[in-house]
Amino acid sequence: MIKNDNIIRVSVSEAARLFGVSSKTIRQAIKNEELKYIVVKARYKINFSSLIEWSRQSTRRSNQLASQGIGQYVDQWKIKNKKYSPHLKLALNKKHSDN
């Protein structure tokens, strides 16, 4: 696992909203030790990367992410600035240079 000092953490309600599940589902995953978290001022702060891994473990959760979570907005993200839009040739060149 890569060590990263810039860990993104979200609250239970933010996680539920982003992934299209209930807060109860997130809390159950915490209880079952399926998510990595810390406690800050008596509140759970969940590691975002562990949320992504957790959501991919279940087809149902992946579908909820796409239909009820943040995934429902992806089609609306029309990136017009080429600086931030992925360029196929650049991506392929980078992939070949990494090998």
N, C-alpha and C. Protein backbone atom coordinates (compact mmCIF):
# COMPACT_ATOMS: atom_id res chain seq x y z
N MET A 1 0.84 -1.17 0.00
CA MET A 1 0.00 0.00 0.00
C MET A 1 0.88 1.24 0.00
N ILE A 2 0.51 2.24 -0.77
CA ILE A 2 1.28 3.47 -0.88
C ILE A 2 0.93 4.39 0.28
N LYS A 3 1.97 4.91 0.94
CA LYS A 3 1.74 5.84 2.04
C LYS A 3 1.49 7.22 1.47
N ASN A 4 0.40 7.84 1.90
CA ASN A 4 0.04 9.16 1.41
C ASN A 4 -0.32 10.04 2.59
N ASP A 5 0.35 11.19 2.69
CA ASP A 5 0.07 12.11 3.79
C ASP A 5 -1.21 12.90 3.56
N ASN A 6 -1.72 12.92 2.34
CA ASN A 6 -2.92 13.68 2.02
C ASN A 6 -4.14 12.76 1.99
N ILE A 7 -4.46 12.18 3.12
CA ILE A 7 -5.59 11.26 3.21
C ILE A 7 -6.88 12.07 3.26
N ILE A 8 -7.84 11.68 2.45
CA ILE A 8 -9.14 12.33 2.45
C ILE A 8 -10.05 11.55 3.38
N ARG A 9 -10.67 12.26 4.31
CA ARG A 9 -11.61 11.63 5.24
C ARG A 9 -12.94 12.35 5.17
N VAL A 10 -14.02 11.59 5.27
CA VAL A 10 -15.36 12.15 5.21
C VAL A 10 -16.18 11.65 6.39
N SER A 11 -17.23 12.39 6.71
CA SER A 11 -18.11 11.99 7.81
C SER A 11 -19.05 10.88 7.34
N VAL A 12 -19.77 10.32 8.28
CA VAL A 12 -20.73 9.25 7.97
C VAL A 12 -21.80 9.76 7.01
N SER A 13 -22.35 10.93 7.28
CA SER A 13 -23.42 11.46 6.42
C SER A 13 -22.89 11.81 5.03
N GLU A 14 -21.67 12.35 4.94
CA GLU A 14 -21.08 12.64 3.63
C GLU A 14 -20.85 11.36 2.84
N ALA A 15 -20.35 10.33 3.51
CA ALA A 15 -20.11 9.04 2.86
C ALA A 15 -21.42 8.45 2.33
N ALA A 16 -22.46 8.52 3.14
CA ALA A 16 -23.76 7.99 2.74
C ALA A 16 -24.29 8.73 1.51
N ARG A 17 -24.17 10.04 1.53
CA ARG A 17 -24.65 10.86 0.41
C ARG A 17 -23.83 10.59 -0.87
N LEU A 18 -22.51 10.52 -0.73
CA LEU A 18 -21.64 10.30 -1.90
C LEU A 18 -21.84 8.93 -2.53
N PHE A 19 -22.10 7.91 -1.70
CA PHE A 19 -22.17 6.55 -2.20
C PHE A 19 -23.60 6.04 -2.38
N GLY A 20 -24.60 6.88 -2.09
CA GLY A 20 -25.98 6.51 -2.35
C GLY A 20 -26.53 5.44 -1.43
N VAL A 21 -26.01 5.37 -0.21
CA VAL A 21 -26.49 4.40 0.78
C VAL A 21 -26.95 5.17 2.01
N SER A 22 -27.53 4.47 2.97
CA SER A 22 -27.98 5.13 4.19
C SER A 22 -26.83 5.26 5.19
N SER A 23 -26.98 6.18 6.12
CA SER A 23 -26.00 6.34 7.20
C SER A 23 -25.90 5.05 8.01
N LYS A 24 -27.02 4.36 8.15
CA LYS A 24 -27.04 3.10 8.89
C LYS A 24 -26.14 2.06 8.22
N THR A 25 -26.13 2.03 6.89
CA THR A 25 -25.28 1.10 6.15
C THR A 25 -23.81 1.41 6.41
N ILE A 26 -23.46 2.69 6.41
CA ILE A 26 -22.07 3.10 6.67
C ILE A 26 -21.68 2.72 8.09
N ARG A 27 -22.56 2.99 9.04
CA ARG A 27 -22.26 2.65 10.45
C ARG A 27 -22.12 1.13 10.64
N GLN A 28 -22.91 0.36 9.93
CA GLN A 28 -22.81 -1.10 10.00
C GLN A 28 -21.46 -1.56 9.45
N ALA A 29 -21.00 -0.94 8.38
CA ALA A 29 -19.69 -1.28 7.81
C ALA A 29 -18.57 -0.93 8.78
N ILE A 30 -18.72 0.18 9.50
CA ILE A 30 -17.73 0.55 10.52
C ILE A 30 -17.72 -0.49 11.63
N LYS A 31 -18.92 -0.88 12.08
CA LYS A 31 -19.05 -1.88 13.14
C LYS A 31 -18.43 -3.21 12.73
N ASN A 32 -18.58 -3.57 11.45
CA ASN A 32 -18.04 -4.83 10.94
C ASN A 32 -16.57 -4.72 10.54
N GLU A 33 -15.97 -3.57 10.83
CA GLU A 33 -14.56 -3.30 10.53
C GLU A 33 -14.25 -3.43 9.04
N GLU A 34 -15.19 -3.02 8.20
CA GLU A 34 -15.00 -3.04 6.75
C GLU A 34 -14.43 -1.73 6.24
N LEU A 35 -14.46 -0.69 7.07
CA LEU A 35 -13.96 0.63 6.69
C LEU A 35 -12.88 1.09 7.66
N LYS A 36 -11.92 1.84 7.12
CA LYS A 36 -10.89 2.44 7.97
C LYS A 36 -11.37 3.82 8.38
N TYR A 37 -11.20 4.15 9.65
CA TYR A 37 -11.70 5.42 10.15
C TYR A 37 -10.87 5.87 11.35
N ILE A 38 -11.06 7.15 11.70
CA ILE A 38 -10.54 7.69 12.95
C ILE A 38 -11.70 8.40 13.64
N VAL A 39 -11.55 8.69 14.90
CA VAL A 39 -12.57 9.42 15.64
C VAL A 39 -12.01 10.79 15.98
N VAL A 40 -12.73 11.84 15.56
CA VAL A 40 -12.34 13.22 15.82
C VAL A 40 -13.51 13.90 16.51
N LYS A 41 -13.30 14.35 17.74
CA LYS A 41 -14.35 15.02 18.52
C LYS A 41 -15.63 14.18 18.56
N ALA A 42 -15.48 12.91 18.86
CA ALA A 42 -16.59 11.95 19.00
C ALA A 42 -17.35 11.72 17.70
N ARG A 43 -16.71 11.99 16.57
CA ARG A 43 -17.32 11.76 15.24
C ARG A 43 -16.41 10.87 14.41
N TYR A 44 -17.01 9.97 13.65
CA TYR A 44 -16.22 9.13 12.75
C TYR A 44 -15.77 9.95 11.55
N LYS A 45 -14.53 9.79 11.17
CA LYS A 45 -14.00 10.34 9.92
C LYS A 45 -13.46 9.14 9.14
N ILE A 46 -14.10 8.84 8.03
CA ILE A 46 -13.83 7.62 7.28
C ILE A 46 -12.84 7.90 6.16
N ASN A 47 -11.88 7.01 6.02
CA ASN A 47 -10.88 7.10 4.96
C ASN A 47 -11.59 6.88 3.61
N PHE A 48 -11.47 7.86 2.71
CA PHE A 48 -12.19 7.81 1.44
C PHE A 48 -11.76 6.63 0.58
N SER A 49 -10.47 6.31 0.58
CA SER A 49 -10.01 5.18 -0.24
C SER A 49 -10.60 3.86 0.25
N SER A 50 -10.80 3.72 1.56
CA SER A 50 -11.42 2.49 2.06
C SER A 50 -12.90 2.44 1.68
N LEU A 51 -13.55 3.61 1.56
CA LEU A 51 -14.93 3.66 1.09
C LEU A 51 -15.04 3.16 -0.35
N ILE A 52 -14.10 3.58 -1.17
CA ILE A 52 -14.12 3.16 -2.57
C ILE A 52 -13.91 1.65 -2.67
N GLU A 53 -12.94 1.13 -1.94
CA GLU A 53 -12.70 -0.32 -1.94
C GLU A 53 -13.93 -1.07 -1.45
N TRP A 54 -14.54 -0.57 -0.38
CA TRP A 54 -15.73 -1.19 0.21
C TRP A 54 -16.88 -1.20 -0.80
N SER A 55 -17.07 -0.09 -1.51
CA SER A 55 -18.18 -0.01 -2.46
C SER A 55 -18.00 -0.97 -3.63
N ARG A 56 -16.76 -1.26 -4.00
CA ARG A 56 -16.49 -2.16 -5.13
C ARG A 56 -16.62 -3.63 -4.76
N GLN A 57 -16.71 -3.95 -3.48
CA GLN A 57 -16.83 -5.34 -3.06
C GLN A 57 -18.21 -5.92 -3.32
N SER A 58 -19.18 -5.07 -3.55
CA SER A 58 -20.55 -5.52 -3.75
C SER A 58 -21.13 -4.90 -5.01
N THR A 59 -21.73 -5.71 -5.86
CA THR A 59 -22.36 -5.21 -7.08
C THR A 59 -23.48 -4.24 -6.74
N ARG A 60 -24.24 -4.57 -5.72
CA ARG A 60 -25.35 -3.72 -5.30
C ARG A 60 -24.86 -2.34 -4.90
N ARG A 61 -23.79 -2.29 -4.09
CA ARG A 61 -23.25 -0.99 -3.65
C ARG A 61 -22.67 -0.22 -4.83
N SER A 62 -22.01 -0.90 -5.75
CA SER A 62 -21.47 -0.24 -6.95
C SER A 62 -22.59 0.38 -7.77
N ASN A 63 -23.69 -0.35 -7.91
CA ASN A 63 -24.84 0.16 -8.65
C ASN A 63 -25.47 1.35 -7.94
N GLN A 64 -25.53 1.31 -6.61
CA GLN A 64 -26.08 2.43 -5.86
C GLN A 64 -25.20 3.66 -6.02
N LEU A 65 -23.89 3.47 -6.03
CA LEU A 65 -22.97 4.58 -6.25
C LEU A 65 -23.26 5.23 -7.60
N ALA A 66 -23.47 4.41 -8.63
CA ALA A 66 -23.71 4.92 -9.98
C ALA A 66 -25.08 5.57 -10.12
N SER A 67 -26.10 5.02 -9.47
CA SER A 67 -27.46 5.51 -9.69
C SER A 67 -27.95 6.52 -8.65
N GLN A 68 -27.51 6.37 -7.39
CA GLN A 68 -28.02 7.24 -6.34
C GLN A 68 -26.94 8.10 -5.70
N GLY A 69 -25.69 7.74 -5.90
CA GLY A 69 -24.58 8.48 -5.32
C GLY A 69 -24.00 9.48 -6.30
N ILE A 70 -22.73 9.76 -6.15
CA ILE A 70 -22.07 10.77 -6.98
C ILE A 70 -22.01 10.36 -8.46
N GLY A 71 -22.09 9.07 -8.74
CA GLY A 71 -22.03 8.59 -10.11
C GLY A 71 -23.15 9.10 -11.00
N GLN A 72 -24.28 9.47 -10.43
CA GLN A 72 -25.40 9.95 -11.23
C GLN A 72 -25.10 11.29 -11.89
N TYR A 73 -24.07 12.01 -11.44
CA TYR A 73 -23.74 13.32 -11.98
C TYR A 73 -22.60 13.28 -12.99
N VAL A 74 -21.96 12.14 -13.15
CA VAL A 74 -20.77 12.06 -14.01
C VAL A 74 -21.07 12.46 -15.45
N ASP A 75 -22.21 12.06 -16.00
CA ASP A 75 -22.56 12.42 -17.38
C ASP A 75 -22.70 13.92 -17.56
N GLN A 76 -23.02 14.64 -16.49
CA GLN A 76 -23.20 16.08 -16.57
C GLN A 76 -21.87 16.84 -16.52
N TRP A 77 -20.79 16.16 -16.21
CA TRP A 77 -19.47 16.80 -16.12
C TRP A 77 -18.86 16.90 -17.50
N LYS A 78 -19.24 17.90 -18.22
CA LYS A 78 -18.71 18.12 -19.56
C LYS A 78 -17.48 19.01 -19.42
N ILE A 79 -16.30 18.40 -19.41
CA ILE A 79 -15.06 19.14 -19.24
C ILE A 79 -14.64 19.68 -20.60
N LYS A 80 -14.66 21.02 -20.76
CA LYS A 80 -14.33 21.63 -22.04
C LYS A 80 -12.89 22.10 -22.09
N ASN A 81 -12.29 22.37 -20.95
CA ASN A 81 -10.92 22.84 -20.90
C ASN A 81 -9.99 21.66 -21.15
N LYS A 82 -9.21 21.71 -22.23
CA LYS A 82 -8.36 20.58 -22.59
C LYS A 82 -7.29 20.30 -21.54
N LYS A 83 -6.96 21.32 -20.76
CA LYS A 83 -5.94 21.13 -19.73
C LYS A 83 -6.38 20.06 -18.72
N TYR A 84 -7.67 20.01 -18.42
CA TYR A 84 -8.18 19.08 -17.42
C TYR A 84 -8.87 17.86 -18.01
N SER A 85 -9.04 17.85 -19.31
CA SER A 85 -9.69 16.73 -19.97
C SER A 85 -8.63 15.72 -20.41
N PRO A 86 -8.82 14.44 -20.13
CA PRO A 86 -7.81 13.45 -20.51
C PRO A 86 -7.68 13.36 -22.03
N HIS A 87 -6.47 13.30 -22.51
CA HIS A 87 -6.19 13.18 -23.93
C HIS A 87 -5.72 11.76 -24.20
N LEU A 88 -6.36 11.08 -25.11
CA LEU A 88 -6.10 9.67 -25.35
C LEU A 88 -4.64 9.41 -25.72
N LYS A 89 -4.05 10.20 -26.62
CA LYS A 89 -2.66 9.98 -27.04
C LYS A 89 -1.70 10.16 -25.87
N LEU A 90 -1.94 11.18 -25.04
CA LEU A 90 -1.07 11.41 -23.88
C LEU A 90 -1.18 10.25 -22.89
N ALA A 91 -2.39 9.78 -22.69
CA ALA A 91 -2.59 8.67 -21.75
C ALA A 91 -1.89 7.41 -22.25
N LEU A 92 -1.99 7.15 -23.55
CA LEU A 92 -1.34 5.96 -24.11
C LEU A 92 0.18 6.09 -24.06
N ASN A 93 0.71 7.29 -24.35
CA ASN A 93 2.16 7.51 -24.28
C ASN A 93 2.67 7.32 -22.86
N LYS A 94 1.93 7.83 -21.89
CA LYS A 94 2.34 7.68 -20.49
C LYS A 94 2.33 6.20 -20.10
N LYS A 95 1.32 5.48 -20.56
CA LYS A 95 1.21 4.06 -20.24
C LYS A 95 2.40 3.28 -20.81
N HIS A 96 2.78 3.60 -22.05
CA HIS A 96 3.91 2.92 -22.69
C HIS A 96 5.24 3.31 -22.06
N SER A 97 5.38 4.55 -21.61
CA SER A 97 6.63 4.99 -20.99
C SER A 97 6.81 4.40 -19.60
N ASP A 98 5.71 4.03 -18.94
CA ASP A 98 5.79 3.42 -17.60
C ASP A 98 6.28 1.98 -17.68
N ASN A 99 6.11 1.33 -18.83
CA ASN A 99 6.52 -0.08 -18.98
C ASN A 99 7.96 -0.22 -19.25
